[in-house]
Amino acid sequence: MNREEIIAKTKEFLSEEFEVDSALILPDNNLQETLDLDSLDYVDLVVVIEDSFGFKVTGEDFKDIVTFNDFFDLLENKFKK
């Protein structure tokens, strides 16, 4: 899966799961603020990623994630492994 496909799929499940307009999911926007995430929402996000992409992520994976671009980088790197 290439980066554009990852971004498209991610926007789709994030907008659906977190009820946010996909137009707000921009590379430089803050992930936590845009999705209004609390600690339980991160658990939901991990589950959705696993269901959507078939690989595991952990809370540790999110420690350096600030923007959606950081998040897309994480997902892209997981695909390369």
PDB file of N, CA and C in Angstrom:
ATOM      1  N   MET A   1       0.868  -1.174   0.000  1.00  0.00           N
ATOM      2  CA  MET A   1       0.000   0.000   0.000  1.00  0.00           C
ATOM      3  C   MET A   1       0.911   1.232   0.000  1.00  0.00           C
ATOM      4  N   ASN A   2       0.648   2.160  -0.907  1.00  0.00           N
ATOM      5  CA  ASN A   2       1.478   3.366  -0.959  1.00  0.00           C
ATOM      6  C   ASN A   2       0.921   4.446  -0.024  1.00  0.00           C
ATOM      7  N   ARG A   3       1.670   5.523   0.131  1.00  0.00           N
ATOM      8  CA  ARG A   3       1.306   6.583   1.077  1.00  0.00           C
ATOM      9  C   ARG A   3      -0.064   7.188   0.758  1.00  0.00           C
ATOM     10  N   GLU A   4      -0.350   7.430  -0.509  1.00  0.00           N
ATOM     11  CA  GLU A   4      -1.634   8.023  -0.882  1.00  0.00           C
ATOM     12  C   GLU A   4      -2.794   7.112  -0.489  1.00  0.00           C
ATOM     13  N   GLU A   5      -2.616   5.799  -0.667  1.00  0.00           N
ATOM     14  CA  GLU A   5      -3.659   4.841  -0.280  1.00  0.00           C
ATOM     15  C   GLU A   5      -3.811   4.795   1.238  1.00  0.00           C
ATOM     16  N   ILE A   6      -2.692   4.860   1.936  1.00  0.00           N
ATOM     17  CA  ILE A   6      -2.731   4.884   3.399  1.00  0.00           C
ATOM     18  C   ILE A   6      -3.491   6.112   3.889  1.00  0.00           C
ATOM     19  N   ILE A   7      -3.198   7.268   3.307  1.00  0.00           N
ATOM     20  CA  ILE A   7      -3.860   8.510   3.709  1.00  0.00           C
ATOM     21  C   ILE A   7      -5.354   8.444   3.418  1.00  0.00           C
ATOM     22  N   ALA A   8      -5.724   7.978   2.248  1.00  0.00           N
ATOM     23  CA  ALA A   8      -7.143   7.899   1.882  1.00  0.00           C
ATOM     24  C   ALA A   8      -7.903   6.970   2.830  1.00  0.00           C
ATOM     25  N   LYS A   9      -7.339   5.796   3.082  1.00  0.00           N
ATOM     26  CA  LYS A   9      -7.996   4.840   3.968  1.00  0.00           C
ATOM     27  C   LYS A   9      -8.071   5.383   5.390  1.00  0.00           C
ATOM     28  N   THR A  10      -6.996   6.028   5.836  1.00  0.00           N
ATOM     29  CA  THR A  10      -6.952   6.590   7.183  1.00  0.00           C
ATOM     30  C   THR A  10      -7.993   7.691   7.358  1.00  0.00           C
ATOM     31  N   LYS A  11      -8.080   8.582   6.385  1.00  0.00           N
ATOM     32  CA  LYS A  11      -9.089   9.650   6.465  1.00  0.00           C
ATOM     33  C   LYS A  11     -10.483   9.062   6.557  1.00  0.00           C
ATOM     34  N   GLU A  12     -10.726   8.008   5.792  1.00  0.00           N
ATOM     35  CA  GLU A  12     -12.047   7.374   5.787  1.00  0.00           C
ATOM     36  C   GLU A  12     -12.408   6.827   7.166  1.00  0.00           C
ATOM     37  N   PHE A  13     -11.508   6.027   7.766  1.00  0.00           N
ATOM     38  CA  PHE A  13     -11.883   5.438   9.052  1.00  0.00           C
ATOM     39  C   PHE A  13     -11.821   6.439  10.202  1.00  0.00           C
ATOM     40  N   LEU A  14     -10.936   7.434  10.126  1.00  0.00           N
ATOM     41  CA  LEU A  14     -10.899   8.441  11.188  1.00  0.00           C
ATOM     42  C   LEU A  14     -12.149   9.314  11.180  1.00  0.00           C
ATOM     43  N   SER A  15     -12.578   9.718  10.003  1.00  0.00           N
ATOM     44  CA  SER A  15     -13.766  10.572   9.936  1.00  0.00           C
ATOM     45  C   SER A  15     -15.005   9.809  10.398  1.00  0.00           C
ATOM     46  N   GLU A  16     -15.049   8.523  10.082  1.00  0.00           N
ATOM     47  CA  GLU A  16     -16.189   7.709  10.499  1.00  0.00           C
ATOM     48  C   GLU A  16     -16.141   7.399  11.998  1.00  0.00           C
ATOM     49  N   GLU A  17     -15.005   6.922  12.462  1.00  0.00           N
ATOM     50  CA  GLU A  17     -14.866   6.490  13.857  1.00  0.00           C
ATOM     51  C   GLU A  17     -14.941   7.655  14.846  1.00  0.00           C
ATOM     52  N   PHE A  18     -14.332   8.790  14.492  1.00  0.00           N
ATOM     53  CA  PHE A  18     -14.258   9.912  15.423  1.00  0.00           C
ATOM     54  C   PHE A  18     -15.179  11.064  15.034  1.00  0.00           C
ATOM     55  N   GLU A  19     -16.017  10.825  14.035  1.00  0.00           N
ATOM     56  CA  GLU A  19     -17.040  11.790  13.609  1.00  0.00           C
ATOM     57  C   GLU A  19     -16.465  13.180  13.379  1.00  0.00           C
ATOM     58  N   VAL A  20     -15.419  13.221  12.543  1.00  0.00           N
ATOM     59  CA  VAL A  20     -14.785  14.483  12.194  1.00  0.00           C
ATOM     60  C   VAL A  20     -14.787  14.604  10.676  1.00  0.00           C
ATOM     61  N   ASP A  21     -14.955  15.813  10.191  1.00  0.00           N
ATOM     62  CA  ASP A  21     -14.936  16.066   8.755  1.00  0.00           C
ATOM     63  C   ASP A  21     -13.566  15.698   8.201  1.00  0.00           C
ATOM     64  N   SER A  22     -13.543  14.866   7.164  1.00  0.00           N
ATOM     65  CA  SER A  22     -12.263  14.426   6.600  1.00  0.00           C
ATOM     66  C   SER A  22     -11.449  15.592   6.045  1.00  0.00           C
ATOM     67  N   ALA A  23     -12.096  16.714   5.751  1.00  0.00           N
ATOM     68  CA  ALA A  23     -11.389  17.904   5.270  1.00  0.00           C
ATOM     69  C   ALA A  23     -10.477  18.492   6.355  1.00  0.00           C
ATOM     70  N   LEU A  24     -10.727  18.142   7.614  1.00  0.00           N
ATOM     71  CA  LEU A  24      -9.896  18.624   8.725  1.00  0.00           C
ATOM     72  C   LEU A  24      -8.665  17.750   8.952  1.00  0.00           C
ATOM     73  N   ILE A  25      -8.639  16.610   8.298  1.00  0.00           N
ATOM     74  CA  ILE A  25      -7.516  15.682   8.455  1.00  0.00           C
ATOM     75  C   ILE A  25      -6.451  16.059   7.436  1.00  0.00           C
ATOM     76  N   LEU A  26      -5.673  17.056   7.825  1.00  0.00           N
ATOM     77  CA  LEU A  26      -4.621  17.607   6.968  1.00  0.00           C
ATOM     78  C   LEU A  26      -3.260  17.283   7.573  1.00  0.00           C
ATOM     79  N   PRO A  27      -2.240  17.103   6.742  1.00  0.00           N
ATOM     80  CA  PRO A  27      -0.929  16.675   7.230  1.00  0.00           C
ATOM     81  C   PRO A  27      -0.374  17.482   8.403  1.00  0.00           C
ATOM     82  N   ASP A  28      -0.546  18.789   8.403  1.00  0.00           N
ATOM     83  CA  ASP A  28       0.054  19.618   9.456  1.00  0.00           C
ATOM     84  C   ASP A  28      -0.863  19.873  10.650  1.00  0.00           C
ATOM     85  N   ASN A  29      -2.097  19.375  10.599  1.00  0.00           N
ATOM     86  CA  ASN A  29      -3.006  19.554  11.730  1.00  0.00           C
ATOM     87  C   ASN A  29      -2.631  18.619  12.867  1.00  0.00           C
ATOM     88  N   ASN A  30      -2.913  19.058  14.093  1.00  0.00           N
ATOM     89  CA  ASN A  30      -2.622  18.279  15.286  1.00  0.00           C
ATOM     90  C   ASN A  30      -3.623  17.120  15.394  1.00  0.00           C
ATOM     91  N   LEU A  31      -3.112  15.904  15.462  1.00  0.00           N
ATOM     92  CA  LEU A  31      -3.945  14.707  15.522  1.00  0.00           C
ATOM     93  C   LEU A  31      -4.868  14.719  16.732  1.00  0.00           C
ATOM     94  N   GLN A  32      -4.293  14.922  17.904  1.00  0.00           N
ATOM     95  CA  GLN A  32      -5.069  14.860  19.144  1.00  0.00           C
ATOM     96  C   GLN A  32      -6.144  15.944  19.198  1.00  0.00           C
ATOM     97  N   GLU A  33      -5.795  17.160  18.832  1.00  0.00           N
ATOM     98  CA  GLU A  33      -6.759  18.264  18.884  1.00  0.00           C
ATOM     99  C   GLU A  33      -7.849  18.107  17.834  1.00  0.00           C
ATOM    100  N   THR A  34      -7.476  17.740  16.619  1.00  0.00           N
ATOM    101  CA  THR A  34      -8.460  17.621  15.535  1.00  0.00           C
ATOM    102  C   THR A  34      -9.474  16.530  15.835  1.00  0.00           C
ATOM    103  N   LEU A  35      -9.000  15.394  16.345  1.00  0.00           N
ATOM    104  CA  LEU A  35      -9.895  14.274  16.643  1.00  0.00           C
ATOM    105  C   LEU A  35     -10.462  14.339  18.056  1.00  0.00           C
ATOM    106  N   ASP A  36     -10.017  15.318  18.855  1.00  0.00           N
ATOM    107  CA  ASP A  36     -10.452  15.481  20.248  1.00  0.00           C
ATOM    108  C   ASP A  36     -10.253  14.173  21.022  1.00  0.00           C
ATOM    109  N   LEU A  37      -9.015  13.654  20.971  1.00  0.00           N
ATOM    110  CA  LEU A  37      -8.703  12.360  21.559  1.00  0.00           C
ATOM    111  C   LEU A  37      -8.397  12.459  23.049  1.00  0.00           C
ATOM    112  N   ASP A  38      -8.966  11.522  23.798  1.00  0.00           N
ATOM    113  CA  ASP A  38      -8.555  11.327  25.181  1.00  0.00           C
ATOM    114  C   ASP A  38      -7.891   9.948  25.251  1.00  0.00           C
ATOM    115  N   SER A  39      -7.485   9.519  26.422  1.00  0.00           N
ATOM    116  CA  SER A  39      -6.737   8.261  26.520  1.00  0.00           C
ATOM    117  C   SER A  39      -7.548   7.057  26.041  1.00  0.00           C
ATOM    118  N   LEU A  40      -8.839   7.033  26.291  1.00  0.00           N
ATOM    119  CA  LEU A  40      -9.675   5.925  25.815  1.00  0.00           C
ATOM    120  C   LEU A  40      -9.810   5.947  24.299  1.00  0.00           C
ATOM    121  N   ASP A  41      -9.825   7.139  23.714  1.00  0.00           N
ATOM    122  CA  ASP A  41      -9.908   7.241  22.260  1.00  0.00           C
ATOM    123  C   ASP A  41      -8.664   6.658  21.591  1.00  0.00           C
ATOM    124  N   TYR A  42      -7.515   6.774  22.248  1.00  0.00           N
ATOM    125  CA  TYR A  42      -6.296   6.178  21.694  1.00  0.00           C
ATOM    126  C   TYR A  42      -6.417   4.658  21.636  1.00  0.00           C
ATOM    127  N   VAL A  43      -7.073   4.072  22.623  1.00  0.00           N
ATOM    128  CA  VAL A  43      -7.314   2.627  22.604  1.00  0.00           C
ATOM    129  C   VAL A  43      -8.187   2.284  21.395  1.00  0.00           C
ATOM    130  N   ASP A  44      -9.231   3.057  21.184  1.00  0.00           N
ATOM    131  CA  ASP A  44     -10.097   2.851  20.017  1.00  0.00           C
ATOM    132  C   ASP A  44      -9.306   2.995  18.722  1.00  0.00           C
ATOM    133  N   LEU A  45      -8.424   3.981  18.684  1.00  0.00           N
ATOM    134  CA  LEU A  45      -7.617   4.221  17.493  1.00  0.00           C
ATOM    135  C   LEU A  45      -6.711   3.029  17.206  1.00  0.00           C
ATOM    136  N   VAL A  46      -6.110   2.459  18.240  1.00  0.00           N
ATOM    137  CA  VAL A  46      -5.255   1.275  18.065  1.00  0.00           C
ATOM    138  C   VAL A  46      -6.070   0.122  17.477  1.00  0.00           C
ATOM    139  N   VAL A  47      -7.272  -0.090  17.991  1.00  0.00           N
ATOM    140  CA  VAL A  47      -8.132  -1.171  17.503  1.00  0.00           C
ATOM    141  C   VAL A  47      -8.517  -0.938  16.045  1.00  0.00           C
ATOM    142  N   VAL A  48      -8.876   0.290  15.704  1.00  0.00           N
ATOM    143  CA  VAL A  48      -9.267   0.610  14.332  1.00  0.00           C
ATOM    144  C   VAL A  48      -8.100   0.415  13.368  1.00  0.00           C
ATOM    145  N   ILE A  49      -6.907   0.791  13.783  1.00  0.00           N
ATOM    146  CA  ILE A  49      -5.723   0.599  12.940  1.00  0.00           C
ATOM    147  C   ILE A  49      -5.496  -0.893  12.700  1.00  0.00           C
ATOM    148  N   GLU A  50      -5.585  -1.681  13.757  1.00  0.00           N
ATOM    149  CA  GLU A  50      -5.392  -3.118  13.620  1.00  0.00           C
ATOM    150  C   GLU A  50      -6.445  -3.731  12.704  1.00  0.00           C
ATOM    151  N   ASP A  51      -7.697  -3.311  12.862  1.00  0.00           N
ATOM    152  CA  ASP A  51      -8.777  -3.826  12.020  1.00  0.00           C
ATOM    153  C   ASP A  51      -8.632  -3.383  10.562  1.00  0.00           C
ATOM    154  N   SER A  52      -8.200  -2.155  10.360  1.00  0.00           N
ATOM    155  CA  SER A  52      -8.126  -1.592   9.009  1.00  0.00           C
ATOM    156  C   SER A  52      -6.885  -2.024   8.237  1.00  0.00           C
ATOM    157  N   PHE A  53      -5.770  -2.171   8.940  1.00  0.00           N
ATOM    158  CA  PHE A  53      -4.507  -2.431   8.255  1.00  0.00           C
ATOM    159  C   PHE A  53      -3.897  -3.797   8.562  1.00  0.00           C
ATOM    160  N   GLY A  54      -4.350  -4.444   9.625  1.00  0.00           N
ATOM    161  CA  GLY A  54      -3.868  -5.773   9.926  1.00  0.00           C
ATOM    162  C   GLY A  54      -2.523  -5.842  10.626  1.00  0.00           C
ATOM    163  N   PHE A  55      -2.055  -4.750  11.192  1.00  0.00           N
ATOM    164  CA  PHE A  55      -0.833  -4.796  11.991  1.00  0.00           C
ATOM    165  C   PHE A  55      -1.078  -4.122  13.330  1.00  0.00           C
ATOM    166  N   LYS A  56      -0.229  -4.445  14.276  1.00  0.00           N
ATOM    167  CA  LYS A  56      -0.388  -3.932  15.634  1.00  0.00           C
ATOM    168  C   LYS A  56       0.411  -2.646  15.835  1.00  0.00           C
ATOM    169  N   VAL A  57      -0.159  -1.756  16.610  1.00  0.00           N
ATOM    170  CA  VAL A  57       0.527  -0.563  17.089  1.00  0.00           C
ATOM    171  C   VAL A  57       0.341  -0.530  18.600  1.00  0.00           C
ATOM    172  N   THR A  58       1.220   0.182  19.262  1.00  0.00           N
ATOM    173  CA  THR A  58       1.149   0.274  20.722  1.00  0.00           C
ATOM    174  C   THR A  58       1.084   1.740  21.132  1.00  0.00           C
ATOM    175  N   GLY A  59       0.806   1.957  22.380  1.00  0.00           N
ATOM    176  CA  GLY A  59       0.822   3.319  22.909  1.00  0.00           C
ATOM    177  C   GLY A  59       2.175   3.970  22.722  1.00  0.00           C
ATOM    178  N   GLU A  60       3.226   3.174  22.829  1.00  0.00           N
ATOM    179  CA  GLU A  60       4.590   3.668  22.640  1.00  0.00           C
ATOM    180  C   GLU A  60       4.780   4.242  21.231  1.00  0.00           C
ATOM    181  N   ASP A  61       4.091   3.658  20.250  1.00  0.00           N
ATOM    182  CA  ASP A  61       4.187   4.148  18.868  1.00  0.00           C
ATOM    183  C   ASP A  61       3.690   5.585  18.739  1.00  0.00           C
ATOM    184  N   PHE A  62       2.816   6.003  19.652  1.00  0.00           N
ATOM    185  CA  PHE A  62       2.203   7.324  19.562  1.00  0.00           C
ATOM    186  C   PHE A  62       2.966   8.414  20.311  1.00  0.00           C
ATOM    187  N   LYS A  63       4.046   8.054  20.996  1.00  0.00           N
ATOM    188  CA  LYS A  63       4.714   9.043  21.854  1.00  0.00           C
ATOM    189  C   LYS A  63       5.253  10.238  21.087  1.00  0.00           C
ATOM    190  N   ASP A  64       5.652  10.059  19.836  1.00  0.00           N
ATOM    191  CA  ASP A  64       6.190  11.175  19.048  1.00  0.00           C
ATOM    192  C   ASP A  64       5.212  11.683  17.989  1.00  0.00           C
ATOM    193  N   ILE A  65       3.975  11.214  18.040  1.00  0.00           N
ATOM    194  CA  ILE A  65       2.976  11.613  17.046  1.00  0.00           C
ATOM    195  C   ILE A  65       2.319  12.918  17.489  1.00  0.00           C
ATOM    196  N   VAL A  66       2.460  13.941  16.674  1.00  0.00           N
ATOM    197  CA  VAL A  66       1.814  15.222  16.944  1.00  0.00           C
ATOM    198  C   VAL A  66       0.840  15.541  15.812  1.00  0.00           C
ATOM    199  N   THR A  67       1.320  15.495  14.592  1.00  0.00           N
ATOM    200  CA  THR A  67       0.503  15.868  13.438  1.00  0.00           C
ATOM    201  C   THR A  67       0.003  14.622  12.706  1.00  0.00           C
ATOM    202  N   PHE A  68      -0.938  14.840  11.800  1.00  0.00           N
ATOM    203  CA  PHE A  68      -1.388  13.731  10.963  1.00  0.00           C
ATOM    204  C   PHE A  68      -0.248  13.219  10.095  1.00  0.00           C
ATOM    205  N   ASN A  69       0.645  14.094   9.683  1.00  0.00           N
ATOM    206  CA  ASN A  69       1.793  13.662   8.892  1.00  0.00           C
ATOM    207  C   ASN A  69       2.645  12.667   9.688  1.00  0.00           C
ATOM    208  N   ASP A  70       2.849  12.946  10.975  1.00  0.00           N
ATOM    209  CA  ASP A  70       3.564  12.004  11.842  1.00  0.00           C
ATOM    210  C   ASP A  70       2.833  10.661  11.885  1.00  0.00           C
ATOM    211  N   PHE A  71       1.526  10.732  11.980  1.00  0.00           N
ATOM    212  CA  PHE A  71       0.690   9.533  12.039  1.00  0.00           C
ATOM    213  C   PHE A  71       0.792   8.746  10.728  1.00  0.00           C
ATOM    214  N   PHE A  72       0.724   9.452   9.608  1.00  0.00           N
ATOM    215  CA  PHE A  72       0.850   8.787   8.307  1.00  0.00           C
ATOM    216  C   PHE A  72       2.229   8.141   8.164  1.00  0.00           C
ATOM    217  N   ASP A  73       3.261   8.821   8.670  1.00  0.00           N
ATOM    218  CA  ASP A  73       4.621   8.257   8.652  1.00  0.00           C
ATOM    219  C   ASP A  73       4.670   6.949   9.449  1.00  0.00           C
ATOM    220  N   LEU A  74       4.048   6.950  10.621  1.00  0.00           N
ATOM    221  CA  LEU A  74       3.999   5.749  11.449  1.00  0.00           C
ATOM    222  C   LEU A  74       3.370   4.594  10.676  1.00  0.00           C
ATOM    223  N   LEU A  75       2.230   4.847  10.080  1.00  0.00           N
ATOM    224  CA  LEU A  75       1.538   3.790   9.350  1.00  0.00           C
ATOM    225  C   LEU A  75       2.351   3.312   8.155  1.00  0.00           C
ATOM    226  N   GLU A  76       2.935   4.243   7.437  1.00  0.00           N
ATOM    227  CA  GLU A  76       3.750   3.885   6.276  1.00  0.00           C
ATOM    228  C   GLU A  76       4.952   3.033   6.703  1.00  0.00           C
ATOM    229  N   ASN A  77       5.591   3.394   7.806  1.00  0.00           N
ATOM    230  CA  ASN A  77       6.731   2.629   8.308  1.00  0.00           C
ATOM    231  C   ASN A  77       6.326   1.226   8.760  1.00  0.00           C
ATOM    232  N   LYS A  78       5.132   1.094   9.324  1.00  0.00           N
ATOM    233  CA  LYS A  78       4.642  -0.209   9.755  1.00  0.00           C
ATOM    234  C   LYS A  78       4.434  -1.116   8.536  1.00  0.00           C
ATOM    235  N   PHE A  79       3.983  -0.537   7.423  1.00  0.00           N
ATOM    236  CA  PHE A  79       3.791  -1.315   6.208  1.00  0.00           C
ATOM    237  C   PHE A  79       5.110  -1.823   5.644  1.00  0.00           C
ATOM    238  N   LYS A  80       6.165  -1.082   5.849  1.00  0.00           N
ATOM    239  CA  LYS A  80       7.475  -1.465   5.304  1.00  0.00           C
ATOM    240  C   LYS A  80       8.109  -2.617   6.082  1.00  0.00           C
ATOM    241  N   LYS A  81       7.638  -2.854   7.301  1.00  0.00           N
ATOM    242  CA  LYS A  81       8.236  -3.898   8.152  1.00  0.00           C
ATOM    243  C   LYS A  81       7.710  -5.254   7.791  1.00  0.00           C
TER     244      LYS A  81
END
